[in-house]
Amino acid sequence: QVQLVESGGDLVQPGGSLRLSCTTSGFTFSKYYMNWVRQAPGKGLEWVAGITSTGGFTAYADSVEGRVTISRDNAKNILYLQMNGLKPEDTAMYYCDKDGVRGQGTQVTVSS
């Protein structure tokens, strides 16, 4: 079955950086569009970024455009999210998403 395991979340100061990873299994990773989504405390799910199966096209939410880069390694079946210039409003649980299926998430907290 589809398994998505997110990692890399941490407590960081404003302006800091993190790289999130999503290790996948149970499906042919290289054939699927993948997304990162997040959920802040008390709020609904927010789409963050998406990437085509080959990595040739990416898209970002306005709230993260210019600060975040989504990428993938199809040889290793891993999805990444490089986050720079982190802001307190980026605090959330981050999930990788395949067609609505998500892992357990990784917590990102941005605070001084």
PDB file of N, CA and C in Angstrom:
ATOM      1  N   GLN A   1       0.843  -1.185   0.000  1.00  0.00           N
ATOM      2  CA  GLN A   1       0.000   0.000   0.000  1.00  0.00           C
ATOM      3  C   GLN A   1       0.886   1.246   0.000  1.00  0.00           C
ATOM      4  N   VAL A   2       0.280   2.362  -0.336  1.00  0.00           N
ATOM      5  CA  VAL A   2       1.009   3.619  -0.367  1.00  0.00           C
ATOM      6  C   VAL A   2       1.491   3.988   1.031  1.00  0.00           C
ATOM      7  N   GLN A   3       2.779   4.282   1.122  1.00  0.00           N
ATOM      8  CA  GLN A   3       3.335   4.776   2.389  1.00  0.00           C
ATOM      9  C   GLN A   3       4.123   6.047   2.119  1.00  0.00           C
ATOM     10  N   LEU A   4       3.870   7.053   2.935  1.00  0.00           N
ATOM     11  CA  LEU A   4       4.550   8.341   2.848  1.00  0.00           C
ATOM     12  C   LEU A   4       5.061   8.674   4.243  1.00  0.00           C
ATOM     13  N   VAL A   5       6.360   8.881   4.362  1.00  0.00           N
ATOM     14  CA  VAL A   5       6.953   9.165   5.662  1.00  0.00           C
ATOM     15  C   VAL A   5       7.713  10.486   5.587  1.00  0.00           C
ATOM     16  N   GLU A   6       7.161  11.496   6.236  1.00  0.00           N
ATOM     17  CA  GLU A   6       7.774  12.814   6.239  1.00  0.00           C
ATOM     18  C   GLU A   6       8.782  12.941   7.371  1.00  0.00           C
ATOM     19  N   SER A   7       9.820  13.750   7.136  1.00  0.00           N
ATOM     20  CA  SER A   7      10.823  14.002   8.168  1.00  0.00           C
ATOM     21  C   SER A   7      11.484  15.341   7.899  1.00  0.00           C
ATOM     22  N   GLY A   8      12.255  15.814   8.869  1.00  0.00           N
ATOM     23  CA  GLY A   8      13.021  17.037   8.699  1.00  0.00           C
ATOM     24  C   GLY A   8      12.473  18.241   9.414  1.00  0.00           C
ATOM     25  N   GLY A   9      11.280  18.132   9.971  1.00  0.00           N
ATOM     26  CA  GLY A   9      10.726  19.262  10.702  1.00  0.00           C
ATOM     27  C   GLY A   9      11.500  19.550  11.973  1.00  0.00           C
ATOM     28  N   ASP A  10      11.424  20.789  12.426  1.00  0.00           N
ATOM     29  CA  ASP A  10      12.188  21.178  13.608  1.00  0.00           C
ATOM     30  C   ASP A  10      11.708  22.536  14.096  1.00  0.00           C
ATOM     31  N   LEU A  11      12.248  22.964  15.226  1.00  0.00           N
ATOM     32  CA  LEU A  11      12.039  24.306  15.735  1.00  0.00           C
ATOM     33  C   LEU A  11      13.170  25.181  15.201  1.00  0.00           C
ATOM     34  N   VAL A  12      12.819  26.239  14.497  1.00  0.00           N
ATOM     35  CA  VAL A  12      13.827  27.127  13.932  1.00  0.00           C
ATOM     36  C   VAL A  12      13.449  28.576  14.224  1.00  0.00           C
ATOM     37  N   GLN A  13      14.445  29.452  14.185  1.00  0.00           N
ATOM     38  CA  GLN A  13      14.196  30.873  14.380  1.00  0.00           C
ATOM     39  C   GLN A  13      13.710  31.498  13.080  1.00  0.00           C
ATOM     40  N   PRO A  14      12.990  32.601  13.182  1.00  0.00           N
ATOM     41  CA  PRO A  14      12.583  33.312  11.953  1.00  0.00           C
ATOM     42  C   PRO A  14      13.797  33.606  11.084  1.00  0.00           C
ATOM     43  N   GLY A  15      13.625  33.419   9.785  1.00  0.00           N
ATOM     44  CA  GLY A  15      14.726  33.595   8.854  1.00  0.00           C
ATOM     45  C   GLY A  15      15.524  32.343   8.602  1.00  0.00           C
ATOM     46  N   GLY A  16      15.267  31.312   9.367  1.00  0.00           N
ATOM     47  CA  GLY A  16      16.009  30.067   9.233  1.00  0.00           C
ATOM     48  C   GLY A  16      15.558  29.226   8.057  1.00  0.00           C
ATOM     49  N   SER A  17      16.225  28.085   7.905  1.00  0.00           N
ATOM     50  CA  SER A  17      15.945  27.181   6.790  1.00  0.00           C
ATOM     51  C   SER A  17      15.750  25.753   7.291  1.00  0.00           C
ATOM     52  N   LEU A  18      14.992  25.007   6.523  1.00  0.00           N
ATOM     53  CA  LEU A  18      14.803  23.593   6.780  1.00  0.00           C
ATOM     54  C   LEU A  18      14.637  22.885   5.443  1.00  0.00           C
ATOM     55  N   ARG A  19      15.028  21.616   5.402  1.00  0.00           N
ATOM     56  CA  ARG A  19      14.698  20.776   4.252  1.00  0.00           C
ATOM     57  C   ARG A  19      13.872  19.592   4.740  1.00  0.00           C
ATOM     58  N   LEU A  20      12.652  19.537   4.257  1.00  0.00           N
ATOM     59  CA  LEU A  20      11.772  18.428   4.577  1.00  0.00           C
ATOM     60  C   LEU A  20      11.945  17.329   3.531  1.00  0.00           C
ATOM     61  N   SER A  21      11.791  16.090   3.976  1.00  0.00           N
ATOM     62  CA  SER A  21      11.861  14.939   3.076  1.00  0.00           C
ATOM     63  C   SER A  21      10.615  14.097   3.234  1.00  0.00           C
ATOM     64  N   CYS A  22      10.247  13.424   2.174  1.00  0.00           N
ATOM     65  CA  CYS A  22       9.135  12.469   2.200  1.00  0.00           C
ATOM     66  C   CYS A  22       9.608  11.208   1.492  1.00  0.00           C
ATOM     67  N   THR A  23       9.807  10.172   2.264  1.00  0.00           N
ATOM     68  CA  THR A  23      10.221   8.889   1.701  1.00  0.00           C
ATOM     69  C   THR A  23       8.976   8.094   1.350  1.00  0.00           C
ATOM     70  N   THR A  24       8.925   7.613   0.118  1.00  0.00           N
ATOM     71  CA  THR A  24       7.706   6.962  -0.359  1.00  0.00           C
ATOM     72  C   THR A  24       7.945   5.501  -0.712  1.00  0.00           C
ATOM     73  N   SER A  25       6.864   4.733  -0.677  1.00  0.00           N
ATOM     74  CA  SER A  25       6.901   3.333  -1.094  1.00  0.00           C
ATOM     75  C   SER A  25       5.484   2.871  -1.404  1.00  0.00           C
ATOM     76  N   GLY A  26       5.390   1.734  -2.080  1.00  0.00           N
ATOM     77  CA  GLY A  26       4.081   1.157  -2.350  1.00  0.00           C
ATOM     78  C   GLY A  26       3.436   1.608  -3.640  1.00  0.00           C
ATOM     79  N   PHE A  27       4.118   2.446  -4.402  1.00  0.00           N
ATOM     80  CA  PHE A  27       3.609   2.883  -5.696  1.00  0.00           C
ATOM     81  C   PHE A  27       4.785   3.335  -6.548  1.00  0.00           C
ATOM     82  N   THR A  28       4.525   3.520  -7.832  1.00  0.00           N
ATOM     83  CA  THR A  28       5.579   3.951  -8.751  1.00  0.00           C
ATOM     84  C   THR A  28       5.703   5.459  -8.665  1.00  0.00           C
ATOM     85  N   PHE A  29       6.588   5.896  -7.778  1.00  0.00           N
ATOM     86  CA  PHE A  29       6.744   7.318  -7.444  1.00  0.00           C
ATOM     87  C   PHE A  29       6.962   8.176  -8.681  1.00  0.00           C
ATOM     88  N   SER A  30       7.755   7.684  -9.605  1.00  0.00           N
ATOM     89  CA  SER A  30       8.145   8.486 -10.766  1.00  0.00           C
ATOM     90  C   SER A  30       6.998   8.787 -11.715  1.00  0.00           C
ATOM     91  N   LYS A  31       5.852   8.191 -11.492  1.00  0.00           N
ATOM     92  CA  LYS A  31       4.709   8.397 -12.398  1.00  0.00           C
ATOM     93  C   LYS A  31       3.684   9.386 -11.857  1.00  0.00           C
ATOM     94  N   TYR A  32       3.918   9.908 -10.645  1.00  0.00           N
ATOM     95  CA  TYR A  32       2.877  10.701  -9.996  1.00  0.00           C
ATOM     96  C   TYR A  32       3.278  12.139  -9.704  1.00  0.00           C
ATOM     97  N   TYR A  33       2.317  13.032  -9.924  1.00  0.00           N
ATOM     98  CA  TYR A  33       2.400  14.407  -9.429  1.00  0.00           C
ATOM     99  C   TYR A  33       2.330  14.335  -7.913  1.00  0.00           C
ATOM    100  N   MET A  34       3.155  15.103  -7.251  1.00  0.00           N
ATOM    101  CA  MET A  34       3.201  15.092  -5.786  1.00  0.00           C
ATOM    102  C   MET A  34       3.053  16.509  -5.249  1.00  0.00           C
ATOM    103  N   ASN A  35       2.511  16.601  -4.055  1.00  0.00           N
ATOM    104  CA  ASN A  35       2.291  17.882  -3.400  1.00  0.00           C
ATOM    105  C   ASN A  35       2.845  17.881  -1.979  1.00  0.00           C
ATOM    106  N   TRP A  36       3.116  19.064  -1.503  1.00  0.00           N
ATOM    107  CA  TRP A  36       3.266  19.310  -0.072  1.00  0.00           C
ATOM    108  C   TRP A  36       2.069  20.157   0.354  1.00  0.00           C
ATOM    109  N   VAL A  37       1.492  19.800   1.498  1.00  0.00           N
ATOM    110  CA  VAL A  37       0.421  20.576   2.095  1.00  0.00           C
ATOM    111  C   VAL A  37       0.776  20.783   3.559  1.00  0.00           C
ATOM    112  N   ARG A  38       0.108  21.720   4.203  1.00  0.00           N
ATOM    113  CA  ARG A  38       0.376  21.976   5.607  1.00  0.00           C
ATOM    114  C   ARG A  38      -0.902  22.328   6.347  1.00  0.00           C
ATOM    115  N   GLN A  39      -0.849  22.139   7.649  1.00  0.00           N
ATOM    116  CA  GLN A  39      -1.981  22.488   8.491  1.00  0.00           C
ATOM    117  C   GLN A  39      -1.474  23.190   9.739  1.00  0.00           C
ATOM    118  N   ALA A  40      -1.823  24.448   9.861  1.00  0.00           N
ATOM    119  CA  ALA A  40      -1.449  25.222  11.035  1.00  0.00           C
ATOM    120  C   ALA A  40      -2.444  24.931  12.155  1.00  0.00           C
ATOM    121  N   PRO A  41      -2.039  25.178  13.395  1.00  0.00           N
ATOM    122  CA  PRO A  41      -2.943  24.914  14.520  1.00  0.00           C
ATOM    123  C   PRO A  41      -4.274  25.634  14.353  1.00  0.00           C
ATOM    124  N   GLY A  42      -5.358  24.899  14.453  1.00  0.00           N
ATOM    125  CA  GLY A  42      -6.682  25.500  14.386  1.00  0.00           C
ATOM    126  C   GLY A  42      -7.145  25.898  12.998  1.00  0.00           C
ATOM    127  N   LYS A  43      -6.374  25.526  11.963  1.00  0.00           N
ATOM    128  CA  LYS A  43      -6.731  25.913  10.599  1.00  0.00           C
ATOM    129  C   LYS A  43      -6.863  24.685   9.713  1.00  0.00           C
ATOM    130  N   GLY A  44      -7.387  24.872   8.529  1.00  0.00           N
ATOM    131  CA  GLY A  44      -7.553  23.779   7.587  1.00  0.00           C
ATOM    132  C   GLY A  44      -6.288  23.502   6.811  1.00  0.00           C
ATOM    133  N   LEU A  45      -6.341  22.476   5.973  1.00  0.00           N
ATOM    134  CA  LEU A  45      -5.203  22.130   5.141  1.00  0.00           C
ATOM    135  C   LEU A  45      -4.954  23.220   4.103  1.00  0.00           C
ATOM    136  N   GLU A  46      -3.691  23.534   3.897  1.00  0.00           N
ATOM    137  CA  GLU A  46      -3.287  24.528   2.906  1.00  0.00           C
ATOM    138  C   GLU A  46      -2.308  23.881   1.942  1.00  0.00           C
ATOM    139  N   TRP A  47      -2.589  23.958   0.666  1.00  0.00           N
ATOM    140  CA  TRP A  47      -1.650  23.482  -0.340  1.00  0.00           C
ATOM    141  C   TRP A  47      -0.428  24.406  -0.351  1.00  0.00           C
ATOM    142  N   VAL A  48       0.761  23.814  -0.409  1.00  0.00           N
ATOM    143  CA  VAL A  48       1.996  24.590  -0.372  1.00  0.00           C
ATOM    144  C   VAL A  48       2.706  24.586  -1.719  1.00  0.00           C
ATOM    145  N   ALA A  49       2.889  23.390  -2.292  1.00  0.00           N
ATOM    146  CA  ALA A  49       3.653  23.285  -3.536  1.00  0.00           C
ATOM    147  C   ALA A  49       3.344  21.966  -4.212  1.00  0.00           C
ATOM    148  N   GLY A  50       3.556  21.925  -5.536  1.00  0.00           N
ATOM    149  CA  GLY A  50       3.356  20.706  -6.302  1.00  0.00           C
ATOM    150  C   GLY A  50       4.443  20.546  -7.341  1.00  0.00           C
ATOM    151  N   ILE A  51       4.654  19.309  -7.766  1.00  0.00           N
ATOM    152  CA  ILE A  51       5.695  19.023  -8.747  1.00  0.00           C
ATOM    153  C   ILE A  51       5.229  17.893  -9.652  1.00  0.00           C
ATOM    154  N   THR A  52       5.503  18.039 -10.941  1.00  0.00           N
ATOM    155  CA  THR A  52       5.118  17.007 -11.899  1.00  0.00           C
ATOM    156  C   THR A  52       5.973  15.752 -11.730  1.00  0.00           C
ATOM    157  N   SER A  53       5.566  14.693 -12.376  1.00  0.00           N
ATOM    158  CA  SER A  53       6.204  13.396 -12.179  1.00  0.00           C
ATOM    159  C   SER A  53       7.693  13.402 -12.516  1.00  0.00           C
ATOM    160  N   THR A  54       8.054  14.173 -13.531  1.00  0.00           N
ATOM    161  CA  THR A  54       9.465  14.238 -13.925  1.00  0.00           C
ATOM    162  C   THR A  54      10.228  15.354 -13.219  1.00  0.00           C
ATOM    163  N   GLY A  55       9.511  16.190 -12.507  1.00  0.00           N
ATOM    164  CA  GLY A  55      10.145  17.333 -11.858  1.00  0.00           C
ATOM    165  C   GLY A  55      10.307  18.529 -12.763  1.00  0.00           C
ATOM    166  N   GLY A  56       9.747  18.443 -13.957  1.00  0.00           N
ATOM    167  CA  GLY A  56       9.946  19.498 -14.929  1.00  0.00           C
ATOM    168  C   GLY A  56       9.120  20.750 -14.703  1.00  0.00           C
ATOM    169  N   PHE A  57       8.082  20.633 -13.887  1.00  0.00           N
ATOM    170  CA  PHE A  57       7.236  21.793 -13.612  1.00  0.00           C
ATOM    171  C   PHE A  57       6.874  21.802 -12.139  1.00  0.00           C
ATOM    172  N   THR A  58       6.970  22.971 -11.537  1.00  0.00           N
ATOM    173  CA  THR A  58       6.615  23.137 -10.134  1.00  0.00           C
ATOM    174  C   THR A  58       5.642  24.297  -9.990  1.00  0.00           C
ATOM    175  N   ALA A  59       4.897  24.287  -8.906  1.00  0.00           N
ATOM    176  CA  ALA A  59       3.956  25.359  -8.612  1.00  0.00           C
ATOM    177  C   ALA A  59       3.949  25.602  -7.122  1.00  0.00           C
ATOM    178  N   TYR A  60       3.695  26.863  -6.736  1.00  0.00           N
ATOM    179  CA  TYR A  60       3.773  27.247  -5.337  1.00  0.00           C
ATOM    180  C   TYR A  60       2.598  28.123  -4.942  1.00  0.00           C
ATOM    181  N   ALA A  61       2.205  28.012  -3.684  1.00  0.00           N
ATOM    182  CA  ALA A  61       1.233  28.934  -3.126  1.00  0.00           C
ATOM    183  C   ALA A  61       1.859  30.312  -3.024  1.00  0.00           C
ATOM    184  N   ASP A  62       1.034  31.332  -3.146  1.00  0.00           N
ATOM    185  CA  ASP A  62       1.542  32.703  -3.055  1.00  0.00           C
ATOM    186  C   ASP A  62       2.248  32.946  -1.720  1.00  0.00           C
ATOM    187  N   SER A  63       1.764  32.277  -0.683  1.00  0.00           N
ATOM    188  CA  SER A  63       2.294  32.509   0.669  1.00  0.00           C
ATOM    189  C   SER A  63       3.741  32.041   0.831  1.00  0.00           C
ATOM    190  N   VAL A  64       4.212  31.167  -0.064  1.00  0.00           N
ATOM    191  CA  VAL A  64       5.569  30.628   0.056  1.00  0.00           C
ATOM    192  C   VAL A  64       6.423  30.900  -1.182  1.00  0.00           C
ATOM    193  N   GLU A  65       5.837  31.433  -2.226  1.00  0.00           N
ATOM    194  CA  GLU A  65       6.553  31.679  -3.489  1.00  0.00           C
ATOM    195  C   GLU A  65       7.832  32.476  -3.229  1.00  0.00           C
ATOM    196  N   GLY A  66       8.945  31.976  -3.781  1.00  0.00           N
ATOM    197  CA  GLY A  66      10.218  32.656  -3.624  1.00  0.00           C
ATOM    198  C   GLY A  66      11.011  32.239  -2.397  1.00  0.00           C
ATOM    199  N   ARG A  67      10.372  31.517  -1.490  1.00  0.00           N
ATOM    200  CA  ARG A  67      11.065  31.084  -0.274  1.00  0.00           C
ATOM    201  C   ARG A  67      11.196  29.573  -0.184  1.00  0.00           C
ATOM    202  N   VAL A  68      10.458  28.872  -1.015  1.00  0.00           N
ATOM    203  CA  VAL A  68      10.344  27.423  -0.924  1.00  0.00           C
ATOM    204  C   VAL A  68      10.638  26.792  -2.280  1.00  0.00           C
ATOM    205  N   THR A  69      11.304  25.647  -2.269  1.00  0.00           N
ATOM    206  CA  THR A  69      11.571  24.900  -3.492  1.00  0.00           C
ATOM    207  C   THR A  69      11.192  23.443  -3.291  1.00  0.00           C
ATOM    208  N   ILE A  70      10.315  22.964  -4.155  1.00  0.00           N
ATOM    209  CA  ILE A  70       9.949  21.548  -4.128  1.00  0.00           C
ATOM    210  C   ILE A  70      10.798  20.822  -5.163  1.00  0.00           C
ATOM    211  N   SER A  71      11.242  19.634  -4.815  1.00  0.00           N
ATOM    212  CA  SER A  71      12.043  18.837  -5.742  1.00  0.00           C
ATOM    213  C   SER A  71      11.815  17.359  -5.448  1.00  0.00           C
ATOM    214  N   ARG A  72      12.347  16.523  -6.315  1.00  0.00           N
ATOM    215  CA  ARG A  72      12.169  15.087  -6.120  1.00  0.00           C
ATOM    216  C   ARG A  72      13.367  14.332  -6.675  1.00  0.00           C
ATOM    217  N   ASP A  73      13.595  13.160  -6.105  1.00  0.00           N
ATOM    218  CA  ASP A  73      14.613  12.241  -6.593  1.00  0.00           C
ATOM    219  C   ASP A  73      13.892  10.948  -6.962  1.00  0.00           C
ATOM    220  N   ASN A  74      13.619  10.772  -8.230  1.00  0.00           N
ATOM    221  CA  ASN A  74      12.842   9.611  -8.653  1.00  0.00           C
ATOM    222  C   ASN A  74      13.632   8.304  -8.538  1.00  0.00           C
ATOM    223  N   ALA A  75      14.951   8.388  -8.479  1.00  0.00           N
ATOM    224  CA  ALA A  75      15.753   7.181  -8.287  1.00  0.00           C
ATOM    225  C   ALA A  75      15.660   6.677  -6.850  1.00  0.00           C
ATOM    226  N   LYS A  76      15.456   7.614  -5.926  1.00  0.00           N
ATOM    227  CA  LYS A  76      15.384   7.256  -4.503  1.00  0.00           C
ATOM    228  C   LYS A  76      13.956   7.272  -3.969  1.00  0.00           C
ATOM    229  N   ASN A  77      12.996   7.674  -4.798  1.00  0.00           N
ATOM    230  CA  ASN A  77      11.583   7.755  -4.380  1.00  0.00           C
ATOM    231  C   ASN A  77      11.378   8.720  -3.211  1.00  0.00           C
ATOM    232  N   ILE A  78      12.030   9.863  -3.276  1.00  0.00           N
ATOM    233  CA  ILE A  78      11.952  10.841  -2.198  1.00  0.00           C
ATOM    234  C   ILE A  78      11.514  12.190  -2.756  1.00  0.00           C
ATOM    235  N   LEU A  79      10.625  12.824  -2.016  1.00  0.00           N
ATOM    236  CA  LEU A  79      10.154  14.172  -2.311  1.00  0.00           C
ATOM    237  C   LEU A  79      10.764  15.117  -1.285  1.00  0.00           C
ATOM    238  N   TYR A  80      11.163  16.312  -1.729  1.00  0.00           N
ATOM    239  CA  TYR A  80      11.788  17.283  -0.829  1.00  0.00           C
ATOM    240  C   TYR A  80      11.037  18.607  -0.833  1.00  0.00           C
ATOM    241  N   LEU A  81      11.224  19.351   0.255  1.00  0.00           N
ATOM    242  CA  LEU A  81      10.761  20.733   0.314  1.00  0.00           C
ATOM    243  C   LEU A  81      11.839  21.541   1.037  1.00  0.00           C
ATOM    244  N   GLN A  82      12.547  22.358   0.285  1.00  0.00           N
ATOM    245  CA  GLN A  82      13.548  23.260   0.852  1.00  0.00           C
ATOM    246  C   GLN A  82      12.852  24.553   1.232  1.00  0.00           C
ATOM    247  N   MET A  83      12.966  24.928   2.477  1.00  0.00           N
ATOM    248  CA  MET A  83      12.282  26.110   2.979  1.00  0.00           C
ATOM    249  C   MET A  83      13.315  27.085   3.522  1.00  0.00           C
ATOM    250  N   ASN A  84      13.322  28.290   2.984  1.00  0.00           N
ATOM    251  CA  ASN A  84      14.233  29.349   3.411  1.00  0.00           C
ATOM    252  C   ASN A  84      13.432  30.554   3.884  1.00  0.00           C
ATOM    253  N   GLY A  85      14.084  31.439   4.609  1.00  0.00           N
ATOM    254  CA  GLY A  85      13.400  32.643   5.069  1.00  0.00           C
ATOM    255  C   GLY A  85      12.133  32.332   5.840  1.00  0.00           C
ATOM    256  N   LEU A  86      12.207  31.354   6.729  1.00  0.00           N
ATOM    257  CA  LEU A  86      11.003  30.912   7.431  1.00  0.00           C
ATOM    258  C   LEU A  86      10.424  32.010   8.307  1.00  0.00           C
ATOM    259  N   LYS A  87       9.095  32.040   8.361  1.00  0.00           N
ATOM    260  CA  LYS A  87       8.351  33.029   9.132  1.00  0.00           C
ATOM    261  C   LYS A  87       7.498  32.313  10.180  1.00  0.00           C
ATOM    262  N   PRO A  88       7.125  33.003  11.241  1.00  0.00           N
ATOM    263  CA  PRO A  88       6.258  32.373  12.240  1.00  0.00           C
ATOM    264  C   PRO A  88       4.976  31.794  11.632  1.00  0.00           C
ATOM    265  N   GLU A  89       4.463  32.435  10.615  1.00  0.00           N
ATOM    266  CA  GLU A  89       3.239  31.943   9.976  1.00  0.00           C
ATOM    267  C   GLU A  89       3.443  30.672   9.163  1.00  0.00           C
ATOM    268  N   ASP A  90       4.676  30.225   9.032  1.00  0.00           N
ATOM    269  CA  ASP A  90       4.954  28.939   8.395  1.00  0.00           C
ATOM    270  C   ASP A  90       4.814  27.781   9.384  1.00  0.00           C
ATOM    271  N   THR A  91       4.619  28.103  10.649  1.00  0.00           N
ATOM    272  CA  THR A  91       4.453  27.074  11.662  1.00  0.00           C
ATOM    273  C   THR A  91       3.243  26.209  11.331  1.00  0.00           C
ATOM    274  N   ALA A  92       3.469  24.909  11.197  1.00  0.00           N
ATOM    275  CA  ALA A  92       2.406  23.985  10.801  1.00  0.00           C
ATOM    276  C   ALA A  92       2.942  22.564  10.791  1.00  0.00           C
ATOM    277  N   MET A  93       2.020  21.623  10.680  1.00  0.00           N
ATOM    278  CA  MET A  93       2.386  20.245  10.367  1.00  0.00           C
ATOM    279  C   MET A  93       2.424  20.148   8.849  1.00  0.00           C
ATOM    280  N   TYR A  94       3.517  19.627   8.334  1.00  0.00           N
ATOM    281  CA  TYR A  94       3.695  19.517   6.891  1.00  0.00           C
ATOM    282  C   TYR A  94       3.551  18.067   6.454  1.00  0.00           C
ATOM    283  N   TYR A  95       2.797  17.882   5.373  1.00  0.00           N
ATOM    284  CA  TYR A  95       2.528  16.551   4.840  1.00  0.00           C
ATOM    285  C   TYR A  95       2.870  16.499   3.353  1.00  0.00           C
ATOM    286  N   CYS A  96       3.434  15.370   2.920  1.00  0.00           N
ATOM    287  CA  CYS A  96       3.456  15.146   1.484  1.00  0.00           C
ATOM    288  C   CYS A  96       2.158  14.433   1.108  1.00  0.00           C
ATOM    289  N   ASP A  97       1.742  14.656  -0.111  1.00  0.00           N
ATOM    290  CA  ASP A  97       0.405  14.266  -0.517  1.00  0.00           C
ATOM    291  C   ASP A  97       0.429  13.654  -1.909  1.00  0.00           C
ATOM    292  N   LYS A  98      -0.132  12.458  -2.007  1.00  0.00           N
ATOM    293  CA  LYS A  98      -0.319  11.800  -3.295  1.00  0.00           C
ATOM    294  C   LYS A  98      -1.807  11.527  -3.446  1.00  0.00           C
ATOM    295  N   ASP A  99      -2.427  12.270  -4.296  1.00  0.00           N
ATOM    296  CA  ASP A  99      -3.852  12.056  -4.575  1.00  0.00           C
ATOM    297  C   ASP A  99      -4.689  12.014  -3.295  1.00  0.00           C
ATOM    298  N   GLY A 100      -4.364  12.869  -2.354  1.00  0.00           N
ATOM    299  CA  GLY A 100      -5.138  12.943  -1.122  1.00  0.00           C
ATOM    300  C   GLY A 100      -4.667  12.012  -0.027  1.00  0.00           C
ATOM    301  N   VAL A 101      -3.701  11.172  -0.324  1.00  0.00           N
ATOM    302  CA  VAL A 101      -3.133  10.297   0.700  1.00  0.00           C
ATOM    303  C   VAL A 101      -1.921  11.009   1.304  1.00  0.00           C
ATOM    304  N   ARG A 102      -1.874  11.066   2.614  1.00  0.00           N
ATOM    305  CA  ARG A 102      -0.782  11.777   3.304  1.00  0.00           C
ATOM    306  C   ARG A 102      -0.148  10.894   4.355  1.00  0.00           C
ATOM    307  N   GLY A 103       1.075  11.263   4.717  1.00  0.00           N
ATOM    308  CA  GLY A 103       1.741  10.550   5.792  1.00  0.00           C
ATOM    309  C   GLY A 103       1.331  11.100   7.144  1.00  0.00           C
ATOM    310  N   GLN A 104       2.187  10.851   8.137  1.00  0.00           N
ATOM    311  CA  GLN A 104       1.888  11.302   9.499  1.00  0.00           C
ATOM    312  C   GLN A 104       2.280  12.755   9.726  1.00  0.00           C
ATOM    313  N   GLY A 105       3.059  13.292   8.804  1.00  0.00           N
ATOM    314  CA  GLY A 105       3.450  14.687   8.891  1.00  0.00           C
ATOM    315  C   GLY A 105       4.730  14.909   9.670  1.00  0.00           C
ATOM    316  N   THR A 106       5.300  16.099   9.490  1.00  0.00           N
ATOM    317  CA  THR A 106       6.470  16.521  10.238  1.00  0.00           C
ATOM    318  C   THR A 106       6.226  17.962  10.688  1.00  0.00           C
ATOM    319  N   GLN A 107       6.509  18.236  11.950  1.00  0.00           N
ATOM    320  CA  GLN A 107       6.175  19.530  12.537  1.00  0.00           C
ATOM    321  C   GLN A 107       7.266  20.556  12.278  1.00  0.00           C
ATOM    322  N   VAL A 108       6.864  21.696  11.757  1.00  0.00           N
ATOM    323  CA  VAL A 108       7.750  22.848  11.587  1.00  0.00           C
ATOM    324  C   VAL A 108       7.247  23.954  12.501  1.00  0.00           C
ATOM    325  N   THR A 109       8.120  24.412  13.375  1.00  0.00           N
ATOM    326  CA  THR A 109       7.788  25.505  14.277  1.00  0.00           C
ATOM    327  C   THR A 109       8.805  26.614  14.096  1.00  0.00           C
ATOM    328  N   VAL A 110       8.314  27.801  13.802  1.00  0.00           N
ATOM    329  CA  VAL A 110       9.187  28.953  13.584  1.00  0.00           C
ATOM    330  C   VAL A 110       8.929  29.955  14.703  1.00  0.00           C
ATOM    331  N   SER A 111       9.909  30.113  15.547  1.00  0.00           N
ATOM    332  CA  SER A 111       9.738  30.966  16.717  1.00  0.00           C
ATOM    333  C   SER A 111      11.095  31.389  17.246  1.00  0.00           C
ATOM    334  N   SER A 112      11.126  32.603  17.796  1.00  0.00           N
ATOM    335  CA  SER A 112      12.354  33.075  18.425  1.00  0.00           C
ATOM    336  C   SER A 112      12.339  32.758  19.916  1.00  0.00           C
TER     337      SER A 112
END
